[in-house]
Every structure is written in C-alpha cells, then in structure tokens.
C-alpha cells in the first residue's frame, strides 16, 4: 500500500535494466519506496542494476522475466503478486530495432513487434488482473511520441508503440472505477550518455531522469496521459492533422 504521504511502497519494473525504469526507481526510493523488483532476463546487466539500487536503502530483488516468452508471464508475474501486494508496475521494456535492416528482414521486424506489443499486452494484462484482485495499484506504460503518427524513419517501431498506446488507453478505461490506475507515458527521443549523447540533437529529446520526474508527478496527479517534455502534447496534436503529402516532406 502507499504510505501516509502517497508514495508507493513497492515497485515492479518490467524491463529491469531500462534506464527510465532505474531512474524512476531511484527517484521513488528517495520518496520512501522500500521494495523494488527488477524483472528481466537473468544477466550481469540485471544483477548490476539491482546492485546499483541497494545502497539507496530499498530491498531490491530480481525476477526472471522474458517479454517474448508470453507462456511464462502468468506464472512468473503471478508469483510476484502472490508474495505480496505491488503498488506500482512500470512496463518499461522495448526494443528500437534498426529500421533499414528490419524492412529487409521480416523476422527482425516481427521481433520488434512481438517485444513491444505482444509481450507488453501479455504482461500488461497479467499485471492488471493482479492489481485488480488486490484492489489497488498503478500500471504505468511507457509508450512513445513515435506512437502518434507513422514516420518514414521508424514506422516499424512506431507502429508497435501505437498498438501498445491504444491497448493501454483501453485497459485504463476497462479498469476505471476498480481502484487500479493506468497511466500512459509518451516521451520524446531519450538521450543516452548524458546531454551530449546519442539522440541529443533531436527535437524534444529528453532524459531518463526527466521521464522519471514526469512519472512521479503524473502518479501524484493520477494523470492518464503524460508527455515528456510537456510541449510534445501540442506538437503531437498538430502533427496528427498535417496532410500526408506535406508530412512526408517534414524533417521528423
């Protein structure tokens, strides 16, 4: 359950090595979150992620989880909820893929779609059902600005995120009034390696820390949709209505 100040006491991160997931965990631990579960494929990176959080004062455990192994989701995630209530689930796994390669390799494109959409739908439904059974909790789903409109540069990735975005919105409607809160987060391109890192020059680029801050604020407000940065909300709305012949010529 949340504490007297409204902070979640327990956090499950699906995609335990996600930079956004870890930034969110650090931020929430500082706000009194005491149990963090990092779910992902067992690896040195997952172990290192857990080790990086333990000195901050929370109990941190790893959970074996593979987004592509949907047959195992109910058993693996069900065991997490059977061990105790979870206040917040952050669905933070995704793969960007390589647009040029994936266009010529349908198998690679399918892997992007299965990870970002099929795996997320499976895990999202399992967690939503468990949250509803316990009668409280929040499910935060990381979408993307790429879900707003197909771009030539990343339409395979964008289409998978668009499907996830619509799914999460519908799930939120289905769970309305049950005590379970669903929040969709649409970040711009996320910088890696600091302000000068990859993707830093892209318009409306953001950072894992900025997304984590927006998630925390959105949870306090019980928002249903969060854009990071906030100005993307108006930009996305405008781009949806640009005629396709013109949109093809835009540098987006």
Protein backbone atom coordinates (compact mmCIF):
# COMPACT_ATOMS: atom_id res chain seq x y z
CA UNK A 1 0.00 0.00 0.00
CA UNK A 2 1.02 3.63 -0.38
CA UNK A 3 2.31 5.33 2.74
CA UNK A 4 0.71 8.28 4.51
CA UNK A 5 2.38 10.65 2.02
CA UNK A 6 1.03 8.84 -1.05
CA UNK A 7 4.32 7.23 -2.08
CA UNK A 8 4.20 3.64 -3.40
CA UNK A 9 5.88 1.21 -1.04
CA UNK A 10 6.60 -1.41 -3.70
CA UNK A 11 7.64 -1.11 -7.34
CA UNK A 12 7.83 -3.77 -10.06
CA UNK A 13 9.84 -2.75 -13.13
CA UNK A 14 9.19 -4.89 -16.20
CA UNK A 15 12.42 -4.33 -18.10
CA UNK A 16 14.76 -4.26 -15.14
CA UNK A 17 17.73 -2.79 -16.98
CA UNK A 18 15.73 0.08 -18.52
CA UNK A 19 17.38 3.46 -17.95
CA UNK A 20 13.96 5.04 -17.41
CA UNK A 21 12.93 2.23 -15.08
CA UNK A 22 16.07 2.60 -12.98
CA UNK A 23 15.80 6.40 -12.88
CA UNK A 24 12.21 6.03 -11.69
CA UNK A 25 13.25 3.52 -9.05
CA UNK A 26 15.96 5.86 -7.74
CA UNK A 27 13.51 8.72 -7.56
CA UNK A 28 10.84 6.69 -5.76
CA UNK A 29 13.31 5.15 -3.32
CA UNK A 30 14.21 8.71 -2.32
CA UNK A 31 10.46 9.23 -1.70
CA UNK A 32 10.19 6.20 0.63
CA UNK A 33 9.59 3.28 -1.75
CA UNK A 34 11.00 0.31 0.16
CA UNK A 35 10.75 -2.70 -2.17
CA UNK A 36 11.90 -2.76 -5.80
CA UNK A 37 11.56 -5.79 -8.07
CA UNK A 38 13.54 -5.69 -11.31
CA UNK A 39 12.12 -8.14 -13.85
CA UNK A 40 14.21 -9.15 -16.84
CA UNK A 41 16.25 -11.89 -18.40
CA UNK A 42 18.94 -13.04 -15.94
CA UNK A 43 22.19 -11.35 -16.94
CA UNK A 44 25.16 -9.48 -15.48
CA UNK A 45 23.41 -6.24 -16.50
CA UNK A 46 20.30 -7.10 -14.47
CA UNK A 47 22.42 -8.04 -11.44
CA UNK A 48 24.38 -4.79 -11.78
CA UNK A 49 21.16 -2.79 -11.98
CA UNK A 50 19.93 -4.32 -8.74
CA UNK A 51 23.30 -3.76 -7.06
CA UNK A 52 23.22 -0.08 -8.06
CA UNK A 53 19.93 0.46 -6.20
CA UNK A 54 20.60 -1.42 -2.96
CA UNK A 55 22.85 1.25 -1.40
CA UNK A 56 19.93 3.70 -1.68
CA UNK A 57 18.09 1.93 1.12
CA UNK A 58 15.48 -0.28 -0.56
CA UNK A 59 15.15 -4.03 -0.65
CA UNK A 60 15.92 -4.90 -4.28
CA UNK A 61 15.30 -8.28 -5.88
CA UNK A 62 15.47 -9.57 -9.43
CA UNK A 63 12.72 -11.56 -11.13
CA UNK A 64 13.33 -13.77 -14.19
CA UNK A 65 11.16 -12.40 -17.00
CA UNK A 66 11.32 -12.57 -20.80
CA UNK A 67 8.93 -10.37 -22.77
CA UNK A 68 8.97 -12.82 -25.67
CA UNK A 69 8.15 -15.85 -23.52
CA UNK A 70 4.49 -14.96 -23.09
CA UNK A 71 3.60 -18.50 -21.97
CA UNK A 72 5.57 -17.90 -18.76
CA UNK A 73 4.15 -14.49 -17.88
CA UNK A 74 1.20 -15.64 -15.79
CA UNK A 75 3.35 -17.98 -13.70
CA UNK A 76 6.34 -15.67 -13.26
CA UNK A 77 4.42 -12.46 -12.60
CA UNK A 78 1.70 -14.23 -10.66
CA UNK A 79 4.37 -15.44 -8.23
CA UNK A 80 5.46 -11.84 -7.65
CA UNK A 81 1.95 -10.75 -6.63
CA UNK A 82 1.40 -13.93 -4.60
CA UNK A 83 4.37 -12.91 -2.44
CA UNK A 84 2.81 -9.54 -1.54
CA UNK A 85 0.95 -6.53 -2.87
CA UNK A 86 2.59 -4.39 -5.55
CA UNK A 87 1.72 -0.69 -5.51
CA UNK A 88 3.22 0.28 -8.86
CA UNK A 89 4.06 -1.64 -12.03
CA UNK A 90 6.22 0.14 -14.60
CA UNK A 91 6.10 -1.50 -18.03
CA UNK A 92 9.43 -0.29 -19.38
CA UNK A 93 10.73 -2.90 -21.81
CA UNK A 94 11.05 -2.21 -25.52
CA UNK A 95 13.43 -2.56 -28.46
CA UNK A 96 14.03 0.16 -31.02
CA UNK A 97 15.23 -2.13 -33.79
CA UNK A 98 17.03 -0.98 -36.92
CA UNK A 99 14.57 0.40 -39.47
CA UNK A 100 16.75 -0.16 -42.55
CA UNK A 101 17.62 -3.73 -41.56
CA UNK A 102 14.14 -4.61 -40.33
CA UNK A 103 12.49 -3.54 -43.60
CA UNK A 104 14.53 -6.19 -45.42
CA UNK A 105 14.34 -8.78 -42.64
CA UNK A 106 10.72 -9.55 -41.71
CA UNK A 107 11.86 -11.82 -38.91
CA UNK A 108 13.67 -8.94 -37.21
CA UNK A 109 10.65 -6.69 -37.70
CA UNK A 110 8.39 -9.31 -36.10
CA UNK A 111 10.73 -9.48 -33.10
CA UNK A 112 10.31 -5.72 -32.60
CA UNK A 113 6.54 -6.07 -32.82
CA UNK A 114 6.41 -9.10 -30.53
CA UNK A 115 8.56 -7.46 -27.87
CA UNK A 116 6.98 -4.01 -27.90
CA UNK A 117 3.37 -5.03 -28.43
CA UNK A 118 2.60 -8.74 -27.96
CA UNK A 119 4.87 -9.14 -24.94
CA UNK A 120 3.58 -5.91 -23.43
CA UNK A 121 -0.06 -6.88 -23.93
CA UNK A 122 0.53 -10.22 -22.23
CA UNK A 123 2.47 -8.80 -19.28
CA UNK A 124 0.12 -5.82 -19.00
CA UNK A 125 -2.98 -8.00 -18.76
CA UNK A 126 -1.41 -10.31 -16.18
CA UNK A 127 -0.36 -7.37 -14.00
CA UNK A 128 -3.66 -5.54 -14.48
CA UNK A 129 -5.57 -8.61 -13.33
CA UNK A 130 -3.35 -8.96 -10.27
CA UNK A 131 -3.67 -5.28 -9.38
CA UNK A 132 -7.45 -5.52 -9.71
CA UNK A 133 -7.50 -8.62 -7.50
CA UNK A 134 -5.59 -6.81 -4.76
CA UNK A 135 -7.90 -3.79 -5.16
CA UNK A 136 -5.35 -1.03 -5.69
CA UNK A 137 -2.22 -0.01 -7.57
CA UNK A 138 -0.99 1.76 -10.66
CA UNK A 139 0.22 0.47 -14.02
CA UNK A 140 2.49 2.88 -15.88
CA UNK A 141 3.04 2.03 -19.56
CA UNK A 142 5.94 3.57 -21.46
CA UNK A 143 4.72 4.47 -24.92
CA UNK A 144 6.49 6.97 -27.19
CA UNK A 145 5.91 10.09 -29.23
CA UNK A 146 6.55 7.75 -32.17
CA UNK A 147 3.13 6.23 -31.49
CA UNK A 148 1.38 9.44 -32.58
CA UNK A 149 1.98 9.15 -36.31
CA UNK A 150 3.92 6.87 -38.65
CA UNK A 151 7.29 8.29 -39.67
CA UNK A 152 9.41 7.01 -42.54
CA UNK A 153 12.39 6.85 -40.19
CA UNK A 154 10.91 4.42 -37.65
CA UNK A 155 7.48 3.19 -38.69
CA UNK A 156 8.10 -0.41 -37.57
CA UNK A 157 8.98 0.68 -34.04
CA UNK A 158 6.33 3.41 -34.12
CA UNK A 159 3.59 1.01 -35.18
CA UNK A 160 4.39 -1.32 -32.29
CA UNK A 161 4.24 1.59 -29.85
CA UNK A 162 1.00 2.84 -31.43
CA UNK A 163 -0.60 -0.54 -30.79
CA UNK A 164 0.66 -0.54 -27.21
CA UNK A 165 -0.58 3.02 -26.66
CA UNK A 166 -4.12 2.19 -27.80
CA UNK A 167 -4.10 -1.01 -25.76
CA UNK A 168 -3.06 0.86 -22.60
CA UNK A 169 -5.72 3.53 -23.11
CA UNK A 170 -8.40 0.87 -23.49
CA UNK A 171 -7.09 -1.03 -20.48
CA UNK A 172 -7.30 2.15 -18.43
CA UNK A 173 -10.92 2.57 -19.46
CA UNK A 174 -11.68 -1.06 -18.62
CA UNK A 175 -10.18 -0.66 -15.14
CA UNK A 176 -11.76 2.70 -14.37
CA UNK A 177 -13.53 2.57 -11.02
CA UNK A 178 -11.77 -0.61 -9.86
CA UNK A 179 -9.10 1.15 -7.80
CA UNK A 180 -6.44 0.47 -10.44
CA UNK A 181 -4.90 3.47 -12.20
CA UNK A 182 -3.36 3.17 -15.69
CA UNK A 183 -1.07 5.92 -16.97
CA UNK A 184 0.41 6.15 -20.47
CA UNK A 185 3.75 7.98 -20.77
CA UNK A 186 4.84 9.33 -24.17
CA UNK A 187 8.46 10.50 -24.07
CA UNK A 188 10.32 12.14 -26.91
CA UNK A 189 13.64 10.62 -28.06
CA UNK A 190 15.57 9.61 -24.95
CA UNK A 191 19.18 10.73 -24.73
CA UNK A 192 21.74 8.13 -23.78
CA UNK A 193 25.08 9.03 -22.29
CA UNK A 194 24.17 12.50 -20.99
CA UNK A 195 23.25 15.76 -22.75
CA UNK A 196 25.82 15.23 -25.48
CA UNK A 197 24.97 11.59 -26.04
CA UNK A 198 23.14 9.85 -28.85
CA UNK A 199 19.87 11.48 -29.99
CA UNK A 200 20.71 14.66 -28.07
CA UNK A 201 20.27 16.81 -31.17
CA UNK A 202 16.76 15.51 -31.94
CA UNK A 203 13.89 17.95 -31.31
CA UNK A 204 12.18 17.46 -27.95
CA UNK A 205 14.81 14.96 -26.78
CA UNK A 206 14.57 14.09 -23.11
CA UNK A 207 16.46 12.11 -20.47
CA UNK A 208 15.62 9.12 -18.27
CA UNK A 209 15.70 11.40 -15.24
CA UNK A 210 13.22 13.84 -16.81
CA UNK A 211 10.87 10.99 -17.69
CA UNK A 212 11.16 9.64 -14.14
CA UNK A 213 10.23 13.05 -12.74
CA UNK A 214 7.23 13.25 -15.05
CA UNK A 215 6.13 9.76 -13.98
CA UNK A 216 6.28 10.70 -10.31
CA UNK A 217 4.30 13.90 -10.91
CA UNK A 218 1.76 12.06 -13.05
CA UNK A 219 1.23 9.47 -10.34
CA UNK A 220 0.60 12.16 -7.74
CA UNK A 221 -1.93 13.79 -10.06
CA UNK A 222 -3.36 10.43 -11.16
CA UNK A 223 -2.89 11.52 -14.76
CA UNK A 224 -3.98 9.23 -17.56
CA UNK A 225 -1.52 10.51 -20.18
CA UNK A 226 1.86 12.16 -19.67
CA UNK A 227 4.02 13.74 -22.38
CA UNK A 228 7.75 14.34 -21.82
CA UNK A 229 8.56 17.12 -22.40
CA UNK A 230 5.08 18.60 -21.93
CA UNK A 231 5.30 20.69 -25.10
CA UNK A 232 5.05 17.47 -27.13
CA UNK A 233 1.34 17.33 -26.37
CA UNK A 234 0.62 20.29 -28.66
CA UNK A 235 3.18 19.17 -31.24
CA UNK A 236 1.66 15.70 -31.42
CA UNK A 237 -1.82 17.12 -31.79
CA UNK A 238 -0.67 19.34 -34.66
CA UNK A 239 1.23 16.58 -36.47
CA UNK A 240 -1.80 14.29 -36.45
CA UNK A 241 -3.61 16.75 -38.71
CA UNK A 242 -0.85 17.53 -41.20
CA UNK A 243 -1.82 16.24 -44.70
CA UNK A 244 0.26 13.22 -45.69
CA UNK A 245 1.87 14.83 -48.79
CA UNK A 246 3.17 17.63 -46.58
CA UNK A 247 4.06 15.34 -43.69
CA UNK A 248 6.33 13.30 -45.96
CA UNK A 249 8.47 16.36 -46.53
CA UNK A 250 8.79 17.35 -42.87
CA UNK A 251 12.15 16.64 -41.14
CA UNK A 252 10.61 14.45 -38.42
